[in-house]
Amino acid sequence: MIRPQNHLTAIGAAAGALLLLLGSTVYQVDQRHQALVIRFGDPIRVVHTPGLHLKAPFLDRVVKFDNRNIALNADQEEVIAADQERLVVDAFVRYRISDPRQFYKTLGDETKAKDRLERIVNASLRQTIGRANSEEVIAGKRAVIMAAIRDEVGRQVKASNLGVQIIDVRIRRADLPEANQKAVFERMQTARQQEAAQLRAIGEQQKREIVATATEEGEKIRGEGDARRAELFASSFGRDPNFAAFYRSMQAYEASLGKGDATLVLSPDSAFFKYFQRGPQAQ
């Protein structure tokens, strides 16, 4: 006769064994992950579909990898630009695991992947930034340089067959070391001052040339006007001697009386007052 207590114990043991078997047979994959089924250390199957899946109990184990883009912040690196300036560069990488089977074989997990990718990124930074000067890296051509670094990292990753796809590589910060900033700033300031002085000198030279040209042109026009005036006067004087005498008298009046403070002692019937008289004798 089986005692009730022993019967319950047997049922509990069977249920536990069933749950253990079920737990080692069924596994779940959510939308954020992809799974790799490994048997005796060898990857045998990649699972991308979310949901419940089966595996051989006690023989297979499942390793899950992120199916999304993964962000990797590379360690801050000091590199030397083409102009021999030292730069502190802070970069980050976005990548995804495109081949879980190959990723597992070459890298194993994301920690090892981080170390390997950091070495590749740092080597690419040194190689690419070494061909550009510091000003281009800091501001002028950063977008072009980042694209070149991304392409170089992608090429090396592909050649290494790591099972990884490089999405993007970005330089978050590229700056001079704090100890060099003041000296470089002063050098840049001096260069800008020299450039400004050169521009001012060029402007001053152009100003003198413009003034000289304008003066020469003005003198030329004034000379042409004086010549035309003399020509007109000569023509007028030749036609009417009386007009010539009248004009010369007007010039004499202007020269002697124009200021209003001249004192002349002359006879009233002097020829100087000829044109002040009225009547036939003024002619």
C-alpha atoms as a PDB file:
ATOM      1  CA  MET A   1       0.000   0.000   0.000  1.00  0.00           C
ATOM      2  CA  ILE A   2       1.343   3.410  -1.076  1.00  0.00           C
ATOM      3  CA  ARG A   3       1.091   6.031   1.544  1.00  0.00           C
ATOM      4  CA  PRO A   4      -0.462   9.395   0.497  1.00  0.00           C
ATOM      5  CA  GLN A   5       2.667  11.271   1.612  1.00  0.00           C
ATOM      6  CA  ASN A   6       4.918   9.184  -0.624  1.00  0.00           C
ATOM      7  CA  HIS A   7       2.480   9.611  -3.482  1.00  0.00           C
ATOM      8  CA  LEU A   8       2.601  13.403  -3.187  1.00  0.00           C
ATOM      9  CA  THR A   9       6.382  13.332  -3.050  1.00  0.00           C
ATOM     10  CA  ALA A  10       6.550  11.317  -6.249  1.00  0.00           C
ATOM     11  CA  ILE A  11       4.174  13.695  -8.011  1.00  0.00           C
ATOM     12  CA  GLY A  12       6.245  16.678  -6.871  1.00  0.00           C
ATOM     13  CA  ALA A  13       9.455  15.043  -8.081  1.00  0.00           C
ATOM     14  CA  ALA A  14       7.871  14.258 -11.458  1.00  0.00           C
ATOM     15  CA  ALA A  15       6.609  17.812 -11.811  1.00  0.00           C
ATOM     16  CA  GLY A  16      10.039  19.183 -10.934  1.00  0.00           C
ATOM     17  CA  ALA A  17      11.682  16.906 -13.468  1.00  0.00           C
ATOM     18  CA  LEU A  18       9.135  17.974 -16.077  1.00  0.00           C
ATOM     19  CA  LEU A  19       9.774  21.646 -15.372  1.00  0.00           C
ATOM     20  CA  LEU A  20      13.526  21.090 -15.535  1.00  0.00           C
ATOM     21  CA  LEU A  21      13.146  19.280 -18.843  1.00  0.00           C
ATOM     22  CA  LEU A  22      10.873  22.004 -20.163  1.00  0.00           C
ATOM     23  CA  GLY A  23      13.273  24.717 -19.017  1.00  0.00           C
ATOM     24  CA  SER A  24      16.195  23.062 -20.785  1.00  0.00           C
ATOM     25  CA  THR A  25      14.157  22.525 -23.956  1.00  0.00           C
ATOM     26  CA  VAL A  26      12.247  25.799 -24.468  1.00  0.00           C
ATOM     27  CA  TYR A  27      13.790  29.268 -24.730  1.00  0.00           C
ATOM     28  CA  GLN A  28      12.433  32.682 -25.707  1.00  0.00           C
ATOM     29  CA  VAL A  29      13.798  35.327 -28.071  1.00  0.00           C
ATOM     30  CA  ASP A  30      12.405  38.869 -27.908  1.00  0.00           C
ATOM     31  CA  GLN A  31      12.458  41.499 -30.649  1.00  0.00           C
ATOM     32  CA  ARG A  32      15.593  43.175 -29.306  1.00  0.00           C
ATOM     33  CA  HIS A  33      17.774  40.074 -29.578  1.00  0.00           C
ATOM     34  CA  GLN A  34      18.972  37.338 -31.862  1.00  0.00           C
ATOM     35  CA  ALA A  35      19.970  33.934 -30.497  1.00  0.00           C
ATOM     36  CA  LEU A  36      22.780  31.542 -31.265  1.00  0.00           C
ATOM     37  CA  VAL A  37      22.322  27.857 -30.374  1.00  0.00           C
ATOM     38  CA  ILE A  38      25.604  26.243 -29.318  1.00  0.00           C
ATOM     39  CA  ARG A  39      26.200  22.486 -28.973  1.00  0.00           C
ATOM     40  CA  PHE A  40      29.425  21.228 -27.435  1.00  0.00           C
ATOM     41  CA  GLY A  41      31.034  24.636 -28.032  1.00  0.00           C
ATOM     42  CA  ASP A  42      30.094  24.858 -31.721  1.00  0.00           C
ATOM     43  CA  PRO A  43      27.421  27.281 -32.979  1.00  0.00           C
ATOM     44  CA  ILE A  44      24.858  25.256 -34.922  1.00  0.00           C
ATOM     45  CA  ARG A  45      21.943  27.600 -35.495  1.00  0.00           C
ATOM     46  CA  VAL A  46      21.064  31.324 -35.541  1.00  0.00           C
ATOM     47  CA  VAL A  47      17.556  32.347 -34.524  1.00  0.00           C
ATOM     48  CA  HIS A  48      16.256  35.780 -35.564  1.00  0.00           C
ATOM     49  CA  THR A  49      12.515  35.202 -35.148  1.00  0.00           C
ATOM     50  CA  PRO A  50      11.007  36.450 -31.836  1.00  0.00           C
ATOM     51  CA  GLY A  51       8.987  33.964 -29.779  1.00  0.00           C
ATOM     52  CA  LEU A  52       9.404  30.522 -28.131  1.00  0.00           C
ATOM     53  CA  HIS A  53      11.873  28.025 -29.616  1.00  0.00           C
ATOM     54  CA  LEU A  54      13.080  24.502 -28.831  1.00  0.00           C
ATOM     55  CA  LYS A  55      16.565  23.169 -28.286  1.00  0.00           C
ATOM     56  CA  ALA A  56      18.036  19.793 -27.359  1.00  0.00           C
ATOM     57  CA  PRO A  57      17.828  19.492 -23.577  1.00  0.00           C
ATOM     58  CA  PHE A  58      21.099  19.337 -21.671  1.00  0.00           C
ATOM     59  CA  LEU A  59      23.040  19.439 -24.958  1.00  0.00           C
ATOM     60  CA  ASP A  60      22.387  22.874 -26.364  1.00  0.00           C
ATOM     61  CA  ARG A  61      22.854  26.251 -24.762  1.00  0.00           C
ATOM     62  CA  VAL A  62      21.634  29.571 -26.086  1.00  0.00           C
ATOM     63  CA  VAL A  63      23.616  32.816 -26.293  1.00  0.00           C
ATOM     64  CA  LYS A  64      21.692  35.989 -27.047  1.00  0.00           C
ATOM     65  CA  PHE A  65      23.115  39.037 -28.805  1.00  0.00           C
ATOM     66  CA  ASP A  66      21.612  42.480 -29.229  1.00  0.00           C
ATOM     67  CA  ASN A  67      19.828  42.877 -32.547  1.00  0.00           C
ATOM     68  CA  ARG A  68      19.896  46.687 -32.419  1.00  0.00           C
ATOM     69  CA  ASN A  69      22.613  49.216 -33.173  1.00  0.00           C
ATOM     70  CA  ILE A  70      25.150  49.174 -30.348  1.00  0.00           C
ATOM     71  CA  ALA A  71      26.908  52.341 -29.140  1.00  0.00           C
ATOM     72  CA  LEU A  72      30.570  52.126 -28.207  1.00  0.00           C
ATOM     73  CA  ASN A  73      32.341  55.074 -26.602  1.00  0.00           C
ATOM     74  CA  ALA A  74      36.017  54.780 -27.468  1.00  0.00           C
ATOM     75  CA  ASP A  75      38.600  55.819 -24.903  1.00  0.00           C
ATOM     76  CA  GLN A  76      39.958  59.340 -25.219  1.00  0.00           C
ATOM     77  CA  GLU A  77      43.007  59.297 -27.447  1.00  0.00           C
ATOM     78  CA  GLU A  78      45.842  61.775 -28.047  1.00  0.00           C
ATOM     79  CA  VAL A  79      46.899  61.898 -31.702  1.00  0.00           C
ATOM     80  CA  ILE A  80      49.341  64.004 -33.727  1.00  0.00           C
ATOM     81  CA  ALA A  81      48.004  65.944 -36.720  1.00  0.00           C
ATOM     82  CA  ALA A  82      49.907  66.624 -39.935  1.00  0.00           C
ATOM     83  CA  ASP A  83      51.120  70.006 -38.599  1.00  0.00           C
ATOM     84  CA  GLN A  84      52.605  68.187 -35.569  1.00  0.00           C
ATOM     85  CA  GLU A  85      49.977  69.560 -33.185  1.00  0.00           C
ATOM     86  CA  ARG A  86      48.784  67.167 -30.498  1.00  0.00           C
ATOM     87  CA  LEU A  87      45.017  66.719 -30.342  1.00  0.00           C
ATOM     88  CA  VAL A  88      42.813  65.063 -27.757  1.00  0.00           C
ATOM     89  CA  VAL A  89      40.153  63.135 -29.674  1.00  0.00           C
ATOM     90  CA  ASP A  90      37.032  61.593 -28.186  1.00  0.00           C
ATOM     91  CA  ALA A  91      35.116  59.336 -30.595  1.00  0.00           C
ATOM     92  CA  PHE A  92      32.184  56.928 -30.525  1.00  0.00           C
ATOM     93  CA  VAL A  93      31.091  54.092 -32.784  1.00  0.00           C
ATOM     94  CA  ARG A  94      27.711  52.638 -33.667  1.00  0.00           C
ATOM     95  CA  TYR A  95      27.721  49.072 -34.922  1.00  0.00           C
ATOM     96  CA  ARG A  96      25.480  46.024 -35.134  1.00  0.00           C
ATOM     97  CA  ILE A  97      26.141  42.289 -34.979  1.00  0.00           C
ATOM     98  CA  SER A  98      25.376  41.238 -38.551  1.00  0.00           C
ATOM     99  CA  ASP A  99      26.600  37.614 -38.265  1.00  0.00           C
ATOM    100  CA  PRO A 100      26.147  36.150 -34.755  1.00  0.00           C
ATOM    101  CA  ARG A 101      27.873  32.909 -35.688  1.00  0.00           C
ATOM    102  CA  GLN A 102      31.050  34.670 -36.908  1.00  0.00           C
ATOM    103  CA  PHE A 103      30.861  37.186 -34.057  1.00  0.00           C
ATOM    104  CA  TYR A 104      30.861  34.326 -31.542  1.00  0.00           C
ATOM    105  CA  LYS A 105      33.781  32.584 -33.242  1.00  0.00           C
ATOM    106  CA  THR A 106      36.040  35.645 -33.507  1.00  0.00           C
ATOM    107  CA  LEU A 107      35.019  37.808 -30.558  1.00  0.00           C
ATOM    108  CA  GLY A 108      32.873  35.751 -28.218  1.00  0.00           C
ATOM    109  CA  ASP A 109      31.001  38.549 -26.479  1.00  0.00           C
ATOM    110  CA  GLU A 110      30.457  42.306 -26.498  1.00  0.00           C
ATOM    111  CA  THR A 111      33.245  42.969 -23.967  1.00  0.00           C
ATOM    112  CA  LYS A 112      35.871  41.493 -26.264  1.00  0.00           C
ATOM    113  CA  ALA A 113      34.199  43.206 -29.213  1.00  0.00           C
ATOM    114  CA  LYS A 114      34.603  46.566 -27.434  1.00  0.00           C
ATOM    115  CA  ASP A 115      38.342  46.019 -26.939  1.00  0.00           C
ATOM    116  CA  ARG A 116      38.898  44.906 -30.531  1.00  0.00           C
ATOM    117  CA  LEU A 117      36.846  47.720 -32.077  1.00  0.00           C
ATOM    118  CA  GLU A 118      38.545  50.336 -29.886  1.00  0.00           C
ATOM    119  CA  ARG A 119      41.941  49.257 -31.180  1.00  0.00           C
ATOM    120  CA  ILE A 120      40.699  49.477 -34.778  1.00  0.00           C
ATOM    121  CA  VAL A 121      39.116  52.907 -34.213  1.00  0.00           C
ATOM    122  CA  ASN A 122      42.217  54.323 -32.514  1.00  0.00           C
ATOM    123  CA  ALA A 123      44.450  53.063 -35.328  1.00  0.00           C
ATOM    124  CA  SER A 124      42.127  54.643 -37.901  1.00  0.00           C
ATOM    125  CA  LEU A 125      42.064  57.923 -35.959  1.00  0.00           C
ATOM    126  CA  ARG A 126      45.856  58.108 -35.944  1.00  0.00           C
ATOM    127  CA  GLN A 127      46.126  57.226 -39.608  1.00  0.00           C
ATOM    128  CA  THR A 128      43.424  59.612 -40.891  1.00  0.00           C
ATOM    129  CA  ILE A 129      44.075  62.587 -38.596  1.00  0.00           C
ATOM    130  CA  GLY A 130      47.792  62.239 -39.295  1.00  0.00           C
ATOM    131  CA  ARG A 131      47.043  63.356 -42.865  1.00  0.00           C
ATOM    132  CA  ALA A 132      45.147  66.537 -41.829  1.00  0.00           C
ATOM    133  CA  ASN A 133      46.248  69.642 -39.939  1.00  0.00           C
ATOM    134  CA  SER A 134      44.819  70.511 -36.544  1.00  0.00           C
ATOM    135  CA  GLU A 135      42.587  73.351 -37.759  1.00  0.00           C
ATOM    136  CA  GLU A 136      40.882  71.040 -40.270  1.00  0.00           C
ATOM    137  CA  VAL A 137      40.247  68.445 -37.567  1.00  0.00           C
ATOM    138  CA  ILE A 138      38.912  70.946 -35.017  1.00  0.00           C
ATOM    139  CA  ALA A 139      36.596  72.802 -37.353  1.00  0.00           C
ATOM    140  CA  GLY A 140      37.324  73.059 -41.069  1.00  0.00           C
ATOM    141  CA  LYS A 141      36.897  69.536 -42.458  1.00  0.00           C
ATOM    142  CA  ARG A 142      35.633  67.479 -39.536  1.00  0.00           C
ATOM    143  CA  ALA A 143      32.736  65.966 -41.492  1.00  0.00           C
ATOM    144  CA  VAL A 144      35.068  64.811 -44.286  1.00  0.00           C
ATOM    145  CA  ILE A 145      37.557  63.400 -41.759  1.00  0.00           C
ATOM    146  CA  MET A 146      34.817  61.515 -39.866  1.00  0.00           C
ATOM    147  CA  ALA A 147      33.600  59.973 -43.127  1.00  0.00           C
ATOM    148  CA  ALA A 148      37.158  58.874 -43.931  1.00  0.00           C
ATOM    149  CA  ILE A 149      37.567  57.333 -40.446  1.00  0.00           C
ATOM    150  CA  ARG A 150      34.234  55.510 -40.757  1.00  0.00           C
ATOM    151  CA  ASP A 151      35.226  54.068 -44.131  1.00  0.00           C
ATOM    152  CA  GLU A 152      38.640  52.985 -42.806  1.00  0.00           C
ATOM    153  CA  VAL A 153      37.125  51.329 -39.710  1.00  0.00           C
ATOM    154  CA  GLY A 154      34.528  49.585 -41.870  1.00  0.00           C
ATOM    155  CA  ARG A 155      37.239  48.317 -44.221  1.00  0.00           C
ATOM    156  CA  GLN A 156      39.351  46.902 -41.380  1.00  0.00           C
ATOM    157  CA  VAL A 157      36.350  45.283 -39.674  1.00  0.00           C
ATOM    158  CA  LYS A 158      35.274  43.678 -42.921  1.00  0.00           C
ATOM    159  CA  ALA A 159      38.794  42.435 -43.633  1.00  0.00           C
ATOM    160  CA  SER A 160      38.977  40.934 -40.111  1.00  0.00           C
ATOM    161  CA  ASN A 161      35.662  39.088 -40.671  1.00  0.00           C
ATOM    162  CA  LEU A 162      34.339  39.920 -37.209  1.00  0.00           C
ATOM    163  CA  GLY A 163      30.649  39.472 -38.014  1.00  0.00           C
ATOM    164  CA  VAL A 164      30.098  43.188 -37.308  1.00  0.00           C
ATOM    165  CA  GLN A 165      28.711  45.982 -39.478  1.00  0.00           C
ATOM    166  CA  ILE A 166      29.935  49.543 -38.789  1.00  0.00           C
ATOM    167  CA  ILE A 167      27.023  51.993 -38.880  1.00  0.00           C
ATOM    168  CA  ASP A 168      28.837  55.221 -38.051  1.00  0.00           C
ATOM    169  CA  VAL A 169      31.949  56.694 -36.442  1.00  0.00           C
ATOM    170  CA  ARG A 170      31.787  60.176 -34.952  1.00  0.00           C
ATOM    171  CA  ILE A 171      34.280  62.521 -33.328  1.00  0.00           C
ATOM    172  CA  ARG A 172      32.522  63.955 -30.297  1.00  0.00           C
ATOM    173  CA  ARG A 173      35.378  66.236 -29.322  1.00  0.00           C
ATOM    174  CA  ALA A 174      38.677  67.195 -30.905  1.00  0.00           C
ATOM    175  CA  ASP A 175      40.673  69.788 -29.048  1.00  0.00           C
ATOM    176  CA  LEU A 176      44.165  70.814 -28.115  1.00  0.00           C
ATOM    177  CA  PRO A 177      45.625  69.553 -24.852  1.00  0.00           C
ATOM    178  CA  GLU A 178      45.086  72.094 -22.116  1.00  0.00           C
ATOM    179  CA  ALA A 179      48.827  72.753 -21.823  1.00  0.00           C
ATOM    180  CA  ASN A 180      49.042  73.724 -25.518  1.00  0.00           C
ATOM    181  CA  GLN A 181      45.874  75.779 -25.857  1.00  0.00           C
ATOM    182  CA  LYS A 182      47.331  79.107 -24.703  1.00  0.00           C
ATOM    183  CA  ALA A 183      50.426  78.904 -26.916  1.00  0.00           C
ATOM    184  CA  VAL A 184      48.396  77.897 -29.967  1.00  0.00           C
ATOM    185  CA  PHE A 185      45.834  80.640 -29.303  1.00  0.00           C
ATOM    186  CA  GLU A 186      48.590  83.256 -29.097  1.00  0.00           C
ATOM    187  CA  ARG A 187      50.139  81.964 -32.311  1.00  0.00           C
ATOM    188  CA  MET A 188      46.792  82.071 -34.100  1.00  0.00           C
ATOM    189  CA  GLN A 189      46.156  85.577 -32.746  1.00  0.00           C
ATOM    190  CA  THR A 190      49.555  86.761 -34.030  1.00  0.00           C
ATOM    191  CA  ALA A 191      48.861  85.239 -37.443  1.00  0.00           C
ATOM    192  CA  ARG A 192      45.488  86.996 -37.626  1.00  0.00           C
ATOM    193  CA  GLN A 193      47.056  90.312 -36.608  1.00  0.00           C
ATOM    194  CA  GLN A 194      49.700  89.951 -39.308  1.00  0.00           C
ATOM    195  CA  GLU A 195      47.009  89.134 -41.845  1.00  0.00           C
ATOM    196  CA  ALA A 196      45.004  92.194 -40.769  1.00  0.00           C
ATOM    197  CA  ALA A 197      48.095  94.441 -41.016  1.00  0.00           C
ATOM    198  CA  GLN A 198      48.795  93.102 -44.491  1.00  0.00           C
ATOM    199  CA  LEU A 199      45.215  93.778 -45.579  1.00  0.00           C
ATOM    200  CA  ARG A 200      45.405  97.327 -44.155  1.00  0.00           C
ATOM    201  CA  ALA A 201      48.681  97.940 -46.031  1.00  0.00           C
ATOM    202  CA  ILE A 202      47.134  96.696 -49.267  1.00  0.00           C
ATOM    203  CA  GLY A 203      44.098  98.929 -48.676  1.00  0.00           C
ATOM    204  CA  GLU A 204      46.307 101.953 -47.977  1.00  0.00           C
ATOM    205  CA  GLN A 205      48.280 101.318 -51.162  1.00  0.00           C
ATOM    206  CA  GLN A 206      45.082 101.016 -53.179  1.00  0.00           C
ATOM    207  CA  LYS A 207      43.814 104.238 -51.578  1.00  0.00           C
ATOM    208  CA  ARG A 208      46.971 106.133 -52.615  1.00  0.00           C
ATOM    209  CA  GLU A 209      46.715 104.759 -56.131  1.00  0.00           C
ATOM    210  CA  ILE A 210      43.058 105.767 -56.405  1.00  0.00           C
ATOM    211  CA  VAL A 211      43.741 109.280 -55.047  1.00  0.00           C
ATOM    212  CA  ALA A 212      46.713 109.720 -57.385  1.00  0.00           C
ATOM    213  CA  THR A 213      44.650 108.573 -60.369  1.00  0.00           C
ATOM    214  CA  ALA A 214      41.768 110.865 -59.386  1.00  0.00           C
ATOM    215  CA  THR A 215      44.123 113.825 -58.908  1.00  0.00           C
ATOM    216  CA  GLU A 216      45.747 113.203 -62.254  1.00  0.00           C
ATOM    217  CA  GLU A 217      42.346 112.917 -63.911  1.00  0.00           C
ATOM    218  CA  GLY A 218      41.140 116.079 -62.153  1.00  0.00           C
ATOM    219  CA  GLU A 219      44.193 118.059 -63.241  1.00  0.00           C
ATOM    220  CA  LYS A 220      43.706 116.829 -66.772  1.00  0.00           C
ATOM    221  CA  ILE A 221      40.039 117.883 -66.789  1.00  0.00           C
ATOM    222  CA  ARG A 222      40.914 121.226 -65.147  1.00  0.00           C
ATOM    223  CA  GLY A 223      43.608 121.846 -67.758  1.00  0.00           C
ATOM    224  CA  GLU A 224      41.194 121.033 -70.558  1.00  0.00           C
ATOM    225  CA  GLY A 225      38.669 123.438 -69.017  1.00  0.00           C
ATOM    226  CA  ASP A 226      41.224 126.220 -68.680  1.00  0.00           C
ATOM    227  CA  ALA A 227      42.318 125.699 -72.262  1.00  0.00           C
ATOM    228  CA  ARG A 228      38.733 125.843 -73.448  1.00  0.00           C
ATOM    229  CA  ARG A 229      38.137 128.970 -71.350  1.00  0.00           C
ATOM    230  CA  ALA A 230      41.192 130.670 -72.816  1.00  0.00           C
ATOM    231  CA  GLU A 231      40.071 129.637 -76.257  1.00  0.00           C
ATOM    232  CA  LEU A 232      36.611 131.134 -75.682  1.00  0.00           C
ATOM    233  CA  PHE A 233      38.077 134.353 -74.251  1.00  0.00           C
ATOM    234  CA  ALA A 234      40.501 134.661 -77.135  1.00  0.00           C
ATOM    235  CA  SER A 235      37.688 134.140 -79.599  1.00  0.00           C
ATOM    236  CA  SER A 236      35.494 136.699 -77.835  1.00  0.00           C
ATOM    237  CA  PHE A 237      38.304 139.272 -77.509  1.00  0.00           C
ATOM    238  CA  GLY A 238      39.129 138.900 -81.157  1.00  0.00           C
ATOM    239  CA  ARG A 239      35.571 139.610 -82.209  1.00  0.00           C
ATOM    240  CA  ASP A 240      34.885 142.604 -79.925  1.00  0.00           C
ATOM    241  CA  PRO A 241      37.779 144.738 -78.605  1.00  0.00           C
ATOM    242  CA  ASN A 242      35.356 146.745 -76.427  1.00  0.00           C
ATOM    243  CA  PHE A 243      34.271 143.542 -74.654  1.00  0.00           C
ATOM    244  CA  ALA A 244      37.912 142.701 -74.032  1.00  0.00           C
ATOM    245  CA  ALA A 245      38.534 146.085 -72.459  1.00  0.00           C
ATOM    246  CA  PHE A 246      35.382 145.743 -70.360  1.00  0.00           C
ATOM    247  CA  TYR A 247      36.366 142.253 -69.124  1.00  0.00           C
ATOM    248  CA  ARG A 248      39.868 143.390 -68.151  1.00  0.00           C
ATOM    249  CA  SER A 249      38.378 146.314 -66.228  1.00  0.00           C
ATOM    250  CA  MET A 250      36.023 143.976 -64.383  1.00  0.00           C
ATOM    251  CA  GLN A 251      39.015 141.831 -63.403  1.00  0.00           C
ATOM    252  CA  ALA A 252      40.848 144.931 -62.164  1.00  0.00           C
ATOM    253  CA  TYR A 253      37.806 146.023 -60.118  1.00  0.00           C
ATOM    254  CA  GLU A 254      37.554 142.567 -58.573  1.00  0.00           C
ATOM    255  CA  ALA A 255      41.229 142.472 -57.676  1.00  0.00           C
ATOM    256  CA  SER A 256      41.299 145.932 -56.083  1.00  0.00           C
ATOM    257  CA  LEU A 257      37.810 146.310 -54.619  1.00  0.00           C
ATOM    258  CA  GLY A 258      36.692 142.750 -54.069  1.00  0.00           C
ATOM    259  CA  LYS A 259      37.698 142.579 -50.375  1.00  0.00           C
ATOM    260  CA  GLY A 260      35.987 145.879 -49.533  1.00  0.00           C
ATOM    261  CA  ASP A 261      38.876 147.281 -47.472  1.00  0.00           C
ATOM    262  CA  ALA A 262      40.981 148.886 -50.271  1.00  0.00           C
ATOM    263  CA  THR A 263      41.722 152.636 -50.317  1.00  0.00           C
ATOM    264  CA  LEU A 264      42.429 154.206 -53.723  1.00  0.00           C
ATOM    265  CA  VAL A 265      43.469 157.797 -54.292  1.00  0.00           C
ATOM    266  CA  LEU A 266      42.488 158.562 -57.868  1.00  0.00           C
ATOM    267  CA  SER A 267      41.195 161.493 -59.876  1.00  0.00           C
ATOM    268  CA  PRO A 268      37.435 161.306 -60.499  1.00  0.00           C
ATOM    269  CA  ASP A 269      38.018 161.465 -64.206  1.00  0.00           C
ATOM    270  CA  SER A 270      40.568 158.629 -64.115  1.00  0.00           C
ATOM    271  CA  ALA A 271      40.216 155.966 -66.797  1.00  0.00           C
ATOM    272  CA  PHE A 272      39.897 153.451 -63.915  1.00  0.00           C
ATOM    273  CA  PHE A 273      36.332 154.676 -63.329  1.00  0.00           C
ATOM    274  CA  LYS A 274      35.425 154.599 -66.976  1.00  0.00           C
ATOM    275  CA  TYR A 275      32.696 151.976 -66.556  1.00  0.00           C
ATOM    276  CA  PHE A 276      31.234 153.732 -63.456  1.00  0.00           C
ATOM    277  CA  GLN A 277      30.277 156.759 -65.509  1.00  0.00           C
ATOM    278  CA  ARG A 278      26.955 157.226 -67.205  1.00  0.00           C
ATOM    279  CA  GLY A 279      26.312 158.699 -70.549  1.00  0.00           C
ATOM    280  CA  PRO A 280      28.092 158.632 -73.853  1.00  0.00           C
ATOM    281  CA  GLN A 281      31.609 159.029 -72.289  1.00  0.00           C
ATOM    282  CA  ALA A 282      31.313 155.553 -70.656  1.00  0.00           C
ATOM    283  CA  GLN A 283      31.450 153.983 -74.116  1.00  0.00           C
END
